């Protein structure tokens, strides 16, 4: 057994929660749909999309690919998957905690 400390980390991902008025914040970053999904979820999921088909899989190796016909549908599937079981990834000491 290794004497190294456990470096498993649960990644806290950004969410688009309503502000005090109940409105969701507007995000106009100039990113395309794939870049936006990768920005929001790329530390926990490998994400691919070509405008017609979209898919993602967890970087912790659990489960298989989830697929969708639209980026919003894929985002909802990723969100639901993550809500059921948050993605845990291994980090090295050099990388630090994500």
C-alpha atoms as a PDB file:
ATOM      1  CA  UNK A   1       0.000   0.000   0.000  1.00  0.00           C
ATOM      2  CA  UNK A   2       1.262   3.454  -0.907  1.00  0.00           C
ATOM      3  CA  UNK A   3       2.125   5.953   1.806  1.00  0.00           C
ATOM      4  CA  UNK A   4       1.044   8.842  -0.401  1.00  0.00           C
ATOM      5  CA  UNK A   5      -2.012  10.784   0.760  1.00  0.00           C
ATOM      6  CA  UNK A   6      -5.290  10.317  -1.078  1.00  0.00           C
ATOM      7  CA  UNK A   7      -5.552  13.068  -3.666  1.00  0.00           C
ATOM      8  CA  UNK A   8      -9.092  12.335  -4.817  1.00  0.00           C
ATOM      9  CA  UNK A   9     -10.986  15.577  -5.161  1.00  0.00           C
ATOM     10  CA  UNK A  10     -14.628  16.362  -5.805  1.00  0.00           C
ATOM     11  CA  UNK A  11     -14.742  19.125  -8.376  1.00  0.00           C
ATOM     12  CA  UNK A  12     -17.058  22.012  -7.585  1.00  0.00           C
ATOM     13  CA  UNK A  13     -18.471  23.123 -10.903  1.00  0.00           C
ATOM     14  CA  UNK A  14     -20.000  26.495 -11.698  1.00  0.00           C
ATOM     15  CA  UNK A  15     -23.756  26.701 -11.805  1.00  0.00           C
ATOM     16  CA  UNK A  16     -26.101  29.271 -13.199  1.00  0.00           C
ATOM     17  CA  UNK A  17     -28.149  29.959 -10.119  1.00  0.00           C
ATOM     18  CA  UNK A  18     -30.779  32.686 -10.025  1.00  0.00           C
ATOM     19  CA  UNK A  19     -29.753  35.930  -8.357  1.00  0.00           C
ATOM     20  CA  UNK A  20     -31.771  37.458  -5.491  1.00  0.00           C
ATOM     21  CA  UNK A  21     -34.410  38.685  -7.952  1.00  0.00           C
ATOM     22  CA  UNK A  22     -34.912  35.147  -9.296  1.00  0.00           C
ATOM     23  CA  UNK A  23     -33.336  35.860 -12.695  1.00  0.00           C
ATOM     24  CA  UNK A  24     -30.586  33.696 -14.074  1.00  0.00           C
ATOM     25  CA  UNK A  25     -27.441  35.660 -14.900  1.00  0.00           C
ATOM     26  CA  UNK A  26     -26.802  36.335 -18.570  1.00  0.00           C
ATOM     27  CA  UNK A  27     -23.570  34.922 -19.932  1.00  0.00           C
ATOM     28  CA  UNK A  28     -22.505  36.397 -23.229  1.00  0.00           C
ATOM     29  CA  UNK A  29     -18.924  35.216 -23.407  1.00  0.00           C
ATOM     30  CA  UNK A  30     -18.697  34.867 -27.176  1.00  0.00           C
ATOM     31  CA  UNK A  31     -18.078  31.113 -26.822  1.00  0.00           C
ATOM     32  CA  UNK A  32     -19.678  28.621 -29.147  1.00  0.00           C
ATOM     33  CA  UNK A  33     -21.779  25.822 -27.629  1.00  0.00           C
ATOM     34  CA  UNK A  34     -18.914  23.309 -27.487  1.00  0.00           C
ATOM     35  CA  UNK A  35     -16.531  25.798 -25.876  1.00  0.00           C
ATOM     36  CA  UNK A  36     -19.195  26.759 -23.338  1.00  0.00           C
ATOM     37  CA  UNK A  37     -19.845  23.129 -22.369  1.00  0.00           C
ATOM     38  CA  UNK A  38     -16.122  22.437 -22.122  1.00  0.00           C
ATOM     39  CA  UNK A  39     -15.617  25.565 -20.028  1.00  0.00           C
ATOM     40  CA  UNK A  40     -18.414  24.648 -17.643  1.00  0.00           C
ATOM     41  CA  UNK A  41     -17.897  20.877 -17.426  1.00  0.00           C
ATOM     42  CA  UNK A  42     -14.515  20.100 -19.019  1.00  0.00           C
ATOM     43  CA  UNK A  43     -12.726  19.392 -15.745  1.00  0.00           C
ATOM     44  CA  UNK A  44     -15.096  16.488 -15.096  1.00  0.00           C
ATOM     45  CA  UNK A  45     -16.239  15.317 -18.565  1.00  0.00           C
ATOM     46  CA  UNK A  46     -14.750  14.817 -22.008  1.00  0.00           C
ATOM     47  CA  UNK A  47     -17.170  16.610 -24.319  1.00  0.00           C
ATOM     48  CA  UNK A  48     -17.521  16.361 -28.087  1.00  0.00           C
ATOM     49  CA  UNK A  49     -19.934  18.051 -30.449  1.00  0.00           C
ATOM     50  CA  UNK A  50     -20.173  18.857 -34.141  1.00  0.00           C
ATOM     51  CA  UNK A  51     -23.413  20.823 -34.330  1.00  0.00           C
ATOM     52  CA  UNK A  52     -25.556  17.760 -35.053  1.00  0.00           C
ATOM     53  CA  UNK A  53     -24.523  15.257 -32.408  1.00  0.00           C
ATOM     54  CA  UNK A  54     -23.182  15.818 -28.920  1.00  0.00           C
ATOM     55  CA  UNK A  55     -21.696  13.447 -26.381  1.00  0.00           C
ATOM     56  CA  UNK A  56     -19.801  13.391 -23.110  1.00  0.00           C
ATOM     57  CA  UNK A  57     -18.283  10.916 -20.711  1.00  0.00           C
ATOM     58  CA  UNK A  58     -17.018  11.189 -17.171  1.00  0.00           C
ATOM     59  CA  UNK A  59     -13.289  11.598 -16.609  1.00  0.00           C
ATOM     60  CA  UNK A  60     -13.432   9.348 -13.538  1.00  0.00           C
ATOM     61  CA  UNK A  61     -14.152   6.369 -15.794  1.00  0.00           C
ATOM     62  CA  UNK A  62     -17.615   5.586 -14.421  1.00  0.00           C
ATOM     63  CA  UNK A  63     -20.387   4.939 -16.913  1.00  0.00           C
ATOM     64  CA  UNK A  64     -20.268   5.349 -20.656  1.00  0.00           C
ATOM     65  CA  UNK A  65     -20.989   8.094 -23.143  1.00  0.00           C
ATOM     66  CA  UNK A  66     -24.161  10.170 -22.844  1.00  0.00           C
ATOM     67  CA  UNK A  67     -25.448  11.446 -26.173  1.00  0.00           C
ATOM     68  CA  UNK A  68     -27.813  14.208 -27.267  1.00  0.00           C
ATOM     69  CA  UNK A  69     -28.976  16.001 -30.403  1.00  0.00           C
ATOM     70  CA  UNK A  70     -28.477  19.499 -28.985  1.00  0.00           C
ATOM     71  CA  UNK A  71     -25.950  21.110 -26.628  1.00  0.00           C
ATOM     72  CA  UNK A  72     -28.623  22.176 -24.112  1.00  0.00           C
ATOM     73  CA  UNK A  73     -29.883  18.589 -23.942  1.00  0.00           C
ATOM     74  CA  UNK A  74     -26.336  17.328 -23.347  1.00  0.00           C
ATOM     75  CA  UNK A  75     -25.793  19.948 -20.635  1.00  0.00           C
ATOM     76  CA  UNK A  76     -28.990  18.782 -18.901  1.00  0.00           C
ATOM     77  CA  UNK A  77     -27.856  15.153 -19.083  1.00  0.00           C
ATOM     78  CA  UNK A  78     -24.415  16.034 -17.712  1.00  0.00           C
ATOM     79  CA  UNK A  79     -25.998  18.051 -14.916  1.00  0.00           C
ATOM     80  CA  UNK A  80     -28.323  15.152 -14.000  1.00  0.00           C
ATOM     81  CA  UNK A  81     -25.445  12.654 -14.107  1.00  0.00           C
ATOM     82  CA  UNK A  82     -23.277  14.867 -11.902  1.00  0.00           C
ATOM     83  CA  UNK A  83     -26.149  15.459  -9.463  1.00  0.00           C
ATOM     84  CA  UNK A  84     -26.535  11.675  -9.006  1.00  0.00           C
ATOM     85  CA  UNK A  85     -22.818  11.084  -8.468  1.00  0.00           C
ATOM     86  CA  UNK A  86     -20.274  13.916  -8.486  1.00  0.00           C
ATOM     87  CA  UNK A  87     -17.197  13.224 -10.584  1.00  0.00           C
ATOM     88  CA  UNK A  88     -14.051  12.463  -8.638  1.00  0.00           C
ATOM     89  CA  UNK A  89     -10.717  12.845 -10.367  1.00  0.00           C
ATOM     90  CA  UNK A  90      -7.196  12.092  -9.265  1.00  0.00           C
ATOM     91  CA  UNK A  91      -4.776  14.964  -8.960  1.00  0.00           C
ATOM     92  CA  UNK A  92      -1.062  14.868  -8.346  1.00  0.00           C
ATOM     93  CA  UNK A  93       0.648  16.962  -5.723  1.00  0.00           C
ATOM     94  CA  UNK A  94       2.216  19.033  -8.507  1.00  0.00           C
ATOM     95  CA  UNK A  95      -1.229  19.854  -9.902  1.00  0.00           C
ATOM     96  CA  UNK A  96      -2.745  20.620  -6.519  1.00  0.00           C
ATOM     97  CA  UNK A  97      -6.455  20.553  -5.845  1.00  0.00           C
ATOM     98  CA  UNK A  98      -8.717  21.488  -8.713  1.00  0.00           C
END
